Amino acid sequence: MRLDKYLKVSRIIKRRTIAKEVADKGRIKVNGILAKSSTDLKNGDEVEIRFGNKLLTVKVLEMKDSTKKEDALKMYEILSEIRIAENEENEYSTNQ
């Protein structure tokens, strides 16, 4: 499944267009590699997303074409959720 669709269906990001923008700006890594919105995800992949000053890392558990709000949480496991300082944020973008 495409990265942008997965982020929308799992409700990690509310709209697919926003998920596409975030990925295309270089703020998402899959298994440590910079990802595009069209990157194909598989079960077991680790997805790292930078939201402003927050870094969220999740593990893909399930793929579904659509899901109810309650079931969306079963699609992934949160591995870490950390706040990053401004100097670390700049470091993230230079390590792309």
PDB file of N, CA and C in Angstrom:
ATOM      1  N   MET A   1       0.848  -1.179   0.000  1.00  0.00           N
ATOM      2  CA  MET A   1       0.000   0.000   0.000  1.00  0.00           C
ATOM      3  C   MET A   1       0.892   1.240   0.000  1.00  0.00           C
ATOM      4  N   ARG A   2       0.468   2.258  -0.723  1.00  0.00           N
ATOM      5  CA  ARG A   2       1.219   3.513  -0.778  1.00  0.00           C
ATOM      6  C   ARG A   2       1.298   4.155   0.609  1.00  0.00           C
ATOM      7  N   LEU A   3       2.404   4.807   0.887  1.00  0.00           N
ATOM      8  CA  LEU A   3       2.636   5.471   2.168  1.00  0.00           C
ATOM      9  C   LEU A   3       1.552   6.491   2.487  1.00  0.00           C
ATOM     10  N   ASP A   4       1.216   7.372   1.539  1.00  0.00           N
ATOM     11  CA  ASP A   4       0.227   8.415   1.811  1.00  0.00           C
ATOM     12  C   ASP A   4      -1.145   7.823   2.131  1.00  0.00           C
ATOM     13  N   LYS A   5      -1.532   6.760   1.434  1.00  0.00           N
ATOM     14  CA  LYS A   5      -2.821   6.122   1.712  1.00  0.00           C
ATOM     15  C   LYS A   5      -2.814   5.458   3.091  1.00  0.00           C
ATOM     16  N   TYR A   6      -1.713   4.787   3.421  1.00  0.00           N
ATOM     17  CA  TYR A   6      -1.621   4.130   4.722  1.00  0.00           C
ATOM     18  C   TYR A   6      -1.756   5.143   5.865  1.00  0.00           C
ATOM     19  N   LEU A   7      -1.065   6.272   5.748  1.00  0.00           N
ATOM     20  CA  LEU A   7      -1.121   7.288   6.799  1.00  0.00           C
ATOM     21  C   LEU A   7      -2.539   7.829   6.977  1.00  0.00           C
ATOM     22  N   LYS A   8      -3.284   7.947   5.891  1.00  0.00           N
ATOM     23  CA  LYS A   8      -4.662   8.427   5.954  1.00  0.00           C
ATOM     24  C   LYS A   8      -5.593   7.359   6.550  1.00  0.00           C
ATOM     25  N   VAL A   9      -5.524   6.125   6.024  1.00  0.00           N
ATOM     26  CA  VAL A   9      -6.409   5.054   6.492  1.00  0.00           C
ATOM     27  C   VAL A   9      -6.161   4.751   7.971  1.00  0.00           C
ATOM     28  N   SER A  10      -4.904   4.773   8.397  1.00  0.00           N
ATOM     29  CA  SER A  10      -4.565   4.483   9.795  1.00  0.00           C
ATOM     30  C   SER A  10      -4.841   5.676  10.709  1.00  0.00           C
ATOM     31  N   ARG A  11      -5.168   6.802  10.104  1.00  0.00           N
ATOM     32  CA  ARG A  11      -5.483   8.048  10.812  1.00  0.00           C
ATOM     33  C   ARG A  11      -4.287   8.638  11.566  1.00  0.00           C
ATOM     34  N   ILE A  12      -3.083   8.309  11.122  1.00  0.00           N
ATOM     35  CA  ILE A  12      -1.895   8.963  11.671  1.00  0.00           C
ATOM     36  C   ILE A  12      -1.881  10.409  11.175  1.00  0.00           C
ATOM     37  N   ILE A  13      -2.255  10.586   9.905  1.00  0.00           N
ATOM     38  CA  ILE A  13      -2.461  11.908   9.320  1.00  0.00           C
ATOM     39  C   ILE A  13      -3.876  11.910   8.754  1.00  0.00           C
ATOM     40  N   LYS A  14      -4.631  12.982   9.016  1.00  0.00           N
ATOM     41  CA  LYS A  14      -6.064  12.970   8.713  1.00  0.00           C
ATOM     42  C   LYS A  14      -6.434  12.967   7.241  1.00  0.00           C
ATOM     43  N   ARG A  15      -5.645  13.631   6.397  1.00  0.00           N
ATOM     44  CA  ARG A  15      -6.000  13.680   4.978  1.00  0.00           C
ATOM     45  C   ARG A  15      -4.835  13.207   4.118  1.00  0.00           C
ATOM     46  N   ARG A  16      -5.178  12.526   3.042  1.00  0.00           N
ATOM     47  CA  ARG A  16      -4.155  11.965   2.161  1.00  0.00           C
ATOM     48  C   ARG A  16      -3.319  13.064   1.505  1.00  0.00           C
ATOM     49  N   THR A  17      -3.934  14.179   1.166  1.00  0.00           N
ATOM     50  CA  THR A  17      -3.172  15.270   0.540  1.00  0.00           C
ATOM     51  C   THR A  17      -2.123  15.816   1.495  1.00  0.00           C
ATOM     52  N   ILE A  18      -2.459  15.888   2.776  1.00  0.00           N
ATOM     53  CA  ILE A  18      -1.493  16.352   3.788  1.00  0.00           C
ATOM     54  C   ILE A  18      -0.377  15.319   3.930  1.00  0.00           C
ATOM     55  N   ALA A  19      -0.729  14.035   3.947  1.00  0.00           N
ATOM     56  CA  ALA A  19       0.275  12.967   4.039  1.00  0.00           C
ATOM     57  C   ALA A  19       1.229  13.045   2.849  1.00  0.00           C
ATOM     58  N   LYS A  20       0.701  13.312   1.667  1.00  0.00           N
ATOM     59  CA  LYS A  20       1.528  13.434   0.464  1.00  0.00           C
ATOM     60  C   LYS A  20       2.487  14.618   0.587  1.00  0.00           C
ATOM     61  N   GLU A  21       1.982  15.754   1.056  1.00  0.00           N
ATOM     62  CA  GLU A  21       2.820  16.950   1.222  1.00  0.00           C
ATOM     63  C   GLU A  21       3.948  16.698   2.223  1.00  0.00           C
ATOM     64  N   VAL A  22       3.612  16.084   3.367  1.00  0.00           N
ATOM     65  CA  VAL A  22       4.617  15.812   4.406  1.00  0.00           C
ATOM     66  C   VAL A  22       5.711  14.894   3.849  1.00  0.00           C
ATOM     67  N   ALA A  23       5.310  13.854   3.133  1.00  0.00           N
ATOM     68  CA  ALA A  23       6.290  12.921   2.562  1.00  0.00           C
ATOM     69  C   ALA A  23       7.148  13.608   1.508  1.00  0.00           C
ATOM     70  N   ASP A  24       6.524  14.383   0.645  1.00  0.00           N
ATOM     71  CA  ASP A  24       7.265  15.019  -0.446  1.00  0.00           C
ATOM     72  C   ASP A  24       8.187  16.139   0.032  1.00  0.00           C
ATOM     73  N   LYS A  25       7.995  16.604   1.272  1.00  0.00           N
ATOM     74  CA  LYS A  25       8.893  17.609   1.852  1.00  0.00           C
ATOM     75  C   LYS A  25      10.068  16.957   2.582  1.00  0.00           C
ATOM     76  N   GLY A  26      10.158  15.638   2.537  1.00  0.00           N
ATOM     77  CA  GLY A  26      11.290  14.936   3.146  1.00  0.00           C
ATOM     78  C   GLY A  26      11.183  14.781   4.643  1.00  0.00           C
ATOM     79  N   ARG A  27       9.972  14.670   5.161  1.00  0.00           N
ATOM     80  CA  ARG A  27       9.783  14.554   6.608  1.00  0.00           C
ATOM     81  C   ARG A  27       9.425  13.143   7.060  1.00  0.00           C
ATOM     82  N   ILE A  28       9.477  12.183   6.144  1.00  0.00           N
ATOM     83  CA  ILE A  28       9.126  10.802   6.490  1.00  0.00           C
ATOM     84  C   ILE A  28      10.237   9.866   6.026  1.00  0.00           C
ATOM     85  N   LYS A  29      10.599   8.943   6.913  1.00  0.00           N
ATOM     86  CA  LYS A  29      11.554   7.897   6.569  1.00  0.00           C
ATOM     87  C   LYS A  29      10.876   6.550   6.792  1.00  0.00           C
ATOM     88  N   VAL A  30      11.157   5.607   5.910  1.00  0.00           N
ATOM     89  CA  VAL A  30      10.680   4.231   6.059  1.00  0.00           C
ATOM     90  C   VAL A  30      11.907   3.351   6.183  1.00  0.00           C
ATOM     91  N   ASN A  31      12.007   2.656   7.299  1.00  0.00           N
ATOM     92  CA  ASN A  31      13.168   1.806   7.593  1.00  0.00           C
ATOM     93  C   ASN A  31      14.476   2.586   7.457  1.00  0.00           C
ATOM     94  N   GLY A  32      14.457   3.849   7.914  1.00  0.00           N
ATOM     95  CA  GLY A  32      15.659   4.677   7.921  1.00  0.00           C
ATOM     96  C   GLY A  32      15.992   5.357   6.606  1.00  0.00           C
ATOM     97  N   ILE A  33      15.176   5.142   5.572  1.00  0.00           N
ATOM     98  CA  ILE A  33      15.434   5.727   4.255  1.00  0.00           C
ATOM     99  C   ILE A  33      14.363   6.756   3.944  1.00  0.00           C
ATOM    100  N   LEU A  34      14.782   7.922   3.462  1.00  0.00           N
ATOM    101  CA  LEU A  34      13.853   8.982   3.102  1.00  0.00           C
ATOM    102  C   LEU A  34      12.812   8.441   2.123  1.00  0.00           C
ATOM    103  N   ALA A  35      11.527   8.713   2.398  1.00  0.00           N
ATOM    104  CA  ALA A  35      10.443   8.132   1.603  1.00  0.00           C
ATOM    105  C   ALA A  35       9.634   9.186   0.871  1.00  0.00           C
ATOM    106  N   LYS A  36       9.070   8.776  -0.255  1.00  0.00           N
ATOM    107  CA  LYS A  36       8.139   9.612  -1.004  1.00  0.00           C
ATOM    108  C   LYS A  36       6.725   9.120  -0.710  1.00  0.00           C
ATOM    109  N   SER A  37       5.728   9.891  -1.121  1.00  0.00           N
ATOM    110  CA  SER A  37       4.343   9.504  -0.864  1.00  0.00           C
ATOM    111  C   SER A  37       3.981   8.200  -1.563  1.00  0.00           C
ATOM    112  N   SER A  38       4.669   7.859  -2.638  1.00  0.00           N
ATOM    113  CA  SER A  38       4.360   6.646  -3.391  1.00  0.00           C
ATOM    114  C   SER A  38       5.114   5.416  -2.888  1.00  0.00           C
ATOM    115  N   THR A  39       5.934   5.572  -1.848  1.00  0.00           N
ATOM    116  CA  THR A  39       6.685   4.441  -1.297  1.00  0.00           C
ATOM    117  C   THR A  39       5.725   3.332  -0.883  1.00  0.00           C
ATOM    118  N   ASP A  40       6.057   2.095  -1.257  1.00  0.00           N
ATOM    119  CA  ASP A  40       5.209   0.949  -0.951  1.00  0.00           C
ATOM    120  C   ASP A  40       5.541   0.422   0.442  1.00  0.00           C
ATOM    121  N   LEU A  41       4.544   0.369   1.323  1.00  0.00           N
ATOM    122  CA  LEU A  41       4.735  -0.132   2.689  1.00  0.00           C
ATOM    123  C   LEU A  41       4.375  -1.604   2.781  1.00  0.00           C
ATOM    124  N   LYS A  42       5.034  -2.297   3.724  1.00  0.00           N
ATOM    125  CA  LYS A  42       4.740  -3.691   4.015  1.00  0.00           C
ATOM    126  C   LYS A  42       4.595  -3.846   5.533  1.00  0.00           C
ATOM    127  N   ASN A  43       3.976  -4.928   5.959  1.00  0.00           N
ATOM    128  CA  ASN A  43       3.885  -5.214   7.390  1.00  0.00           C
ATOM    129  C   ASN A  43       5.300  -5.322   7.952  1.00  0.00           C
ATOM    130  N   GLY A  44       5.517  -4.734   9.124  1.00  0.00           N
ATOM    131  CA  GLY A  44       6.814  -4.782   9.770  1.00  0.00           C
ATOM    132  C   GLY A  44       7.691  -3.572   9.498  1.00  0.00           C
ATOM    133  N   ASP A  45       7.335  -2.741   8.508  1.00  0.00           N
ATOM    134  CA  ASP A  45       8.113  -1.541   8.219  1.00  0.00           C
ATOM    135  C   ASP A  45       8.039  -0.554   9.378  1.00  0.00           C
ATOM    136  N   GLU A  46       9.132   0.177   9.598  1.00  0.00           N
ATOM    137  CA  GLU A  46       9.152   1.245  10.597  1.00  0.00           C
ATOM    138  C   GLU A  46       9.072   2.581   9.875  1.00  0.00           C
ATOM    139  N   VAL A  47       8.110   3.392  10.274  1.00  0.00           N
ATOM    140  CA  VAL A  47       7.879   4.688   9.649  1.00  0.00           C
ATOM    141  C   VAL A  47       8.179   5.777  10.667  1.00  0.00           C
ATOM    142  N   GLU A  48       9.048   6.707  10.291  1.00  0.00           N
ATOM    143  CA  GLU A  48       9.437   7.825  11.160  1.00  0.00           C
ATOM    144  C   GLU A  48       8.904   9.111  10.522  1.00  0.00           C
ATOM    145  N   ILE A  49       8.071   9.843  11.269  1.00  0.00           N
ATOM    146  CA  ILE A  49       7.440  11.053  10.742  1.00  0.00           C
ATOM    147  C   ILE A  49       7.795  12.237  11.624  1.00  0.00           C
ATOM    148  N   ARG A  50       8.232  13.318  10.993  1.00  0.00           N
ATOM    149  CA  ARG A  50       8.544  14.538  11.738  1.00  0.00           C
ATOM    150  C   ARG A  50       7.408  15.536  11.571  1.00  0.00           C
ATOM    151  N   PHE A  51       6.728  15.827  12.693  1.00  0.00           N
ATOM    152  CA  PHE A  51       5.663  16.829  12.746  1.00  0.00           C
ATOM    153  C   PHE A  51       6.211  18.017  13.522  1.00  0.00           C
ATOM    154  N   GLY A  52       6.658  19.058  12.856  1.00  0.00           N
ATOM    155  CA  GLY A  52       7.182  20.225  13.559  1.00  0.00           C
ATOM    156  C   GLY A  52       8.261  19.841  14.552  1.00  0.00           C
ATOM    157  N   ASN A  53       7.941  19.932  15.856  1.00  0.00           N
ATOM    158  CA  ASN A  53       8.940  19.609  16.884  1.00  0.00           C
ATOM    159  C   ASN A  53       8.717  18.231  17.509  1.00  0.00           C
ATOM    160  N   LYS A  54       7.996  17.351  16.812  1.00  0.00           N
ATOM    161  CA  LYS A  54       7.728  16.007  17.324  1.00  0.00           C
ATOM    162  C   LYS A  54       8.184  14.972  16.303  1.00  0.00           C
ATOM    163  N   LEU A  55       8.799  13.911  16.802  1.00  0.00           N
ATOM    164  CA  LEU A  55       9.245  12.813  15.950  1.00  0.00           C
ATOM    165  C   LEU A  55       8.507  11.550  16.381  1.00  0.00           C
ATOM    166  N   LEU A  56       7.669  11.021  15.482  1.00  0.00           N
ATOM    167  CA  LEU A  56       6.853   9.851  15.769  1.00  0.00           C
ATOM    168  C   LEU A  56       7.379   8.668  14.967  1.00  0.00           C
ATOM    169  N   THR A  57       7.634   7.555  15.653  1.00  0.00           N
ATOM    170  CA  THR A  57       8.071   6.336  14.985  1.00  0.00           C
ATOM    171  C   THR A  57       7.051   5.242  15.261  1.00  0.00           C
ATOM    172  N   VAL A  58       6.529   4.646  14.175  1.00  0.00           N
ATOM    173  CA  VAL A  58       5.530   3.586  14.307  1.00  0.00           C
ATOM    174  C   VAL A  58       5.962   2.362  13.510  1.00  0.00           C
ATOM    175  N   LYS A  59       5.444   1.217  13.913  1.00  0.00           N
ATOM    176  CA  LYS A  59       5.679  -0.031  13.189  1.00  0.00           C
ATOM    177  C   LYS A  59       4.372  -0.433  12.526  1.00  0.00           C
ATOM    178  N   VAL A  60       4.423  -0.741  11.238  1.00  0.00           N
ATOM    179  CA  VAL A  60       3.242  -1.141  10.481  1.00  0.00           C
ATOM    180  C   VAL A  60       2.854  -2.562  10.897  1.00  0.00           C
ATOM    181  N   LEU A  61       1.607  -2.734  11.368  1.00  0.00           N
ATOM    182  CA  LEU A  61       1.132  -4.051  11.786  1.00  0.00           C
ATOM    183  C   LEU A  61       0.141  -4.659  10.799  1.00  0.00           C
ATOM    184  N   GLU A  62      -0.703  -3.814  10.196  1.00  0.00           N
ATOM    185  CA  GLU A  62      -1.750  -4.294   9.297  1.00  0.00           C
ATOM    186  C   GLU A  62      -1.937  -3.346   8.131  1.00  0.00           C
ATOM    187  N   MET A  63      -2.447  -3.890   7.033  1.00  0.00           N
ATOM    188  CA  MET A  63      -2.830  -3.091   5.870  1.00  0.00           C
ATOM    189  C   MET A  63      -4.331  -3.282   5.653  1.00  0.00           C
ATOM    190  N   LYS A  64      -5.057  -2.196   5.545  1.00  0.00           N
ATOM    191  CA  LYS A  64      -6.489  -2.242   5.236  1.00  0.00           C
ATOM    192  C   LYS A  64      -6.812  -1.115   4.275  1.00  0.00           C
ATOM    193  N   ASP A  65      -7.728  -1.369   3.355  1.00  0.00           N
ATOM    194  CA  ASP A  65      -8.114  -0.315   2.407  1.00  0.00           C
ATOM    195  C   ASP A  65      -8.983   0.745   3.062  1.00  0.00           C
ATOM    196  N   SER A  66      -9.740   0.340   4.068  1.00  0.00           N
ATOM    197  CA  SER A  66     -10.536   1.302   4.839  1.00  0.00           C
ATOM    198  C   SER A  66     -10.742   0.711   6.228  1.00  0.00           C
ATOM    199  N   THR A  67     -11.027   1.572   7.172  1.00  0.00           N
ATOM    200  CA  THR A  67     -11.186   1.100   8.544  1.00  0.00           C
ATOM    201  C   THR A  67     -12.023   2.070   9.358  1.00  0.00           C
ATOM    202  N   LYS A  68     -12.602   1.562  10.424  1.00  0.00           N
ATOM    203  CA  LYS A  68     -13.324   2.422  11.360  1.00  0.00           C
ATOM    204  C   LYS A  68     -12.319   3.067  12.292  1.00  0.00           C
ATOM    205  N   LYS A  69     -12.721   4.154  12.904  1.00  0.00           N
ATOM    206  CA  LYS A  69     -11.833   4.905  13.785  1.00  0.00           C
ATOM    207  C   LYS A  69     -11.244   4.010  14.886  1.00  0.00           C
ATOM    208  N   GLU A  70     -12.066   3.163  15.477  1.00  0.00           N
ATOM    209  CA  GLU A  70     -11.609   2.303  16.583  1.00  0.00           C
ATOM    210  C   GLU A  70     -10.562   1.287  16.114  1.00  0.00           C
ATOM    211  N   ASP A  71     -10.708   0.816  14.874  1.00  0.00           N
ATOM    212  CA  ASP A  71      -9.801  -0.207  14.350  1.00  0.00           C
ATOM    213  C   ASP A  71      -8.511   0.368  13.788  1.00  0.00           C
ATOM    214  N   ALA A  72      -8.468   1.673  13.550  1.00  0.00           N
ATOM    215  CA  ALA A  72      -7.282   2.300  12.964  1.00  0.00           C
ATOM    216  C   ALA A  72      -6.057   2.121  13.859  1.00  0.00           C
ATOM    217  N   LEU A  73      -6.246   2.150  15.171  1.00  0.00           N
ATOM    218  CA  LEU A  73      -5.124   2.002  16.110  1.00  0.00           C
ATOM    219  C   LEU A  73      -4.470   0.620  16.034  1.00  0.00           C
ATOM    220  N   LYS A  74      -5.192  -0.361  15.520  1.00  0.00           N
ATOM    221  CA  LYS A  74      -4.649  -1.721  15.406  1.00  0.00           C
ATOM    222  C   LYS A  74      -3.737  -1.871  14.191  1.00  0.00           C
ATOM    223  N   MET A  75      -3.704  -0.849  13.337  1.00  0.00           N
ATOM    224  CA  MET A  75      -2.899  -0.920  12.123  1.00  0.00           C
ATOM    225  C   MET A  75      -1.427  -0.630  12.376  1.00  0.00           C
ATOM    226  N   TYR A  76      -1.109  -0.042  13.528  1.00  0.00           N
ATOM    227  CA  TYR A  76       0.279   0.311  13.822  1.00  0.00           C
ATOM    228  C   TYR A  76       0.537   0.264  15.321  1.00  0.00           C
ATOM    229  N   GLU A  77       1.834   0.197  15.646  1.00  0.00           N
ATOM    230  CA  GLU A  77       2.285   0.236  17.040  1.00  0.00           C
ATOM    231  C   GLU A  77       3.234   1.427  17.161  1.00  0.00           C
ATOM    232  N   ILE A  78       3.000   2.271  18.162  1.00  0.00           N
ATOM    233  CA  ILE A  78       3.889   3.419  18.377  1.00  0.00           C
ATOM    234  C   ILE A  78       5.155   2.924  19.061  1.00  0.00           C
ATOM    235  N   LEU A  79       6.285   3.115  18.400  1.00  0.00           N
ATOM    236  CA  LEU A  79       7.575   2.705  18.958  1.00  0.00           C
ATOM    237  C   LEU A  79       8.179   3.819  19.792  1.00  0.00           C
ATOM    238  N   SER A  80       8.053   5.064  19.324  1.00  0.00           N
ATOM    239  CA  SER A  80       8.531   6.205  20.102  1.00  0.00           C
ATOM    240  C   SER A  80       7.839   7.475  19.632  1.00  0.00           C
ATOM    241  N   GLU A  81       7.755   8.407  20.539  1.00  0.00           N
ATOM    242  CA  GLU A  81       7.174   9.720  20.253  1.00  0.00           C
ATOM    243  C   GLU A  81       7.962  10.717  21.095  1.00  0.00           C
ATOM    244  N   ILE A  82       8.846  11.465  20.444  1.00  0.00           N
ATOM    245  CA  ILE A  82       9.714  12.369  21.193  1.00  0.00           C
ATOM    246  C   ILE A  82       9.636  13.789  20.653  1.00  0.00           C
ATOM    247  N   ARG A  83       9.882  14.716  21.548  1.00  0.00           N
ATOM    248  CA  ARG A  83       9.979  16.127  21.140  1.00  0.00           C
ATOM    249  C   ARG A  83      11.429  16.378  20.746  1.00  0.00           C
ATOM    250  N   ILE A  84      11.608  17.175  19.703  1.00  0.00           N
ATOM    251  CA  ILE A  84      12.960  17.502  19.281  1.00  0.00           C
ATOM    252  C   ILE A  84      13.183  19.003  19.405  1.00  0.00           C
ATOM    253  N   ALA A  85      14.380  19.352  19.849  1.00  0.00           N
ATOM    254  CA  ALA A  85      14.740  20.764  19.995  1.00  0.00           C
ATOM    255  C   ALA A  85      15.018  21.348  18.620  1.00  0.00           C
ATOM    256  N   GLU A  86      15.033  22.676  18.533  1.00  0.00           N
ATOM    257  CA  GLU A  86      15.243  23.349  17.251  1.00  0.00           C
ATOM    258  C   GLU A  86      16.552  22.942  16.591  1.00  0.00           C
ATOM    259  N   ASN A  87      17.643  22.853  17.380  1.00  0.00           N
ATOM    260  CA  ASN A  87      18.932  22.493  16.784  1.00  0.00           C
ATOM    261  C   ASN A  87      18.922  21.063  16.261  1.00  0.00           C
ATOM    262  N   GLU A  88      18.183  20.153  16.905  1.00  0.00           N
ATOM    263  CA  GLU A  88      18.059  18.779  16.423  1.00  0.00           C
ATOM    264  C   GLU A  88      17.197  18.729  15.174  1.00  0.00           C
ATOM    265  N   GLU A  89      16.197  19.613  15.098  1.00  0.00           N
ATOM    266  CA  GLU A  89      15.307  19.667  13.939  1.00  0.00           C
ATOM    267  C   GLU A  89      16.101  20.016  12.689  1.00  0.00           C
ATOM    268  N   ASN A  90      17.023  20.975  12.807  1.00  0.00           N
ATOM    269  CA  ASN A  90      17.869  21.352  11.678  1.00  0.00           C
ATOM    270  C   ASN A  90      18.811  20.212  11.303  1.00  0.00           C
ATOM    271  N   GLU A  91      19.282  19.488  12.303  1.00  0.00           N
ATOM    272  CA  GLU A  91      20.171  18.355  12.069  1.00  0.00           C
ATOM    273  C   GLU A  91      19.442  17.264  11.276  1.00  0.00           C
ATOM    274  N   TYR A  92      18.164  17.049  11.576  1.00  0.00           N
ATOM    275  CA  TYR A  92      17.362  16.044  10.889  1.00  0.00           C
ATOM    276  C   TYR A  92      17.293  16.359   9.398  1.00  0.00           C
ATOM    277  N   SER A  93      17.049  17.614   9.067  1.00  0.00           N
ATOM    278  CA  SER A  93      16.902  17.974   7.663  1.00  0.00           C
ATOM    279  C   SER A  93      18.232  17.930   6.907  1.00  0.00           C
ATOM    280  N   THR A  94      19.348  18.111   7.604  1.00  0.00           N
ATOM    281  CA  THR A  94      20.641  18.049   6.922  1.00  0.00           C
ATOM    282  C   THR A  94      21.131  16.622   6.739  1.00  0.00           C
ATOM    283  N   ASN A  95      20.558  15.679   7.500  1.00  0.00           N
ATOM    284  CA  ASN A  95      20.968  14.265   7.380  1.00  0.00           C
ATOM    285  C   ASN A  95      20.156  13.496   6.335  1.00  0.00           C
ATOM    286  N   GLN A  96      19.426  14.169   5.502  1.00  0.00           N
ATOM    287  CA  GLN A  96      18.578  13.496   4.518  1.00  0.00           C
ATOM    288  C   GLN A  96      19.369  12.801   3.507  1.00  0.00           C
TER     289      GLN A  96
END
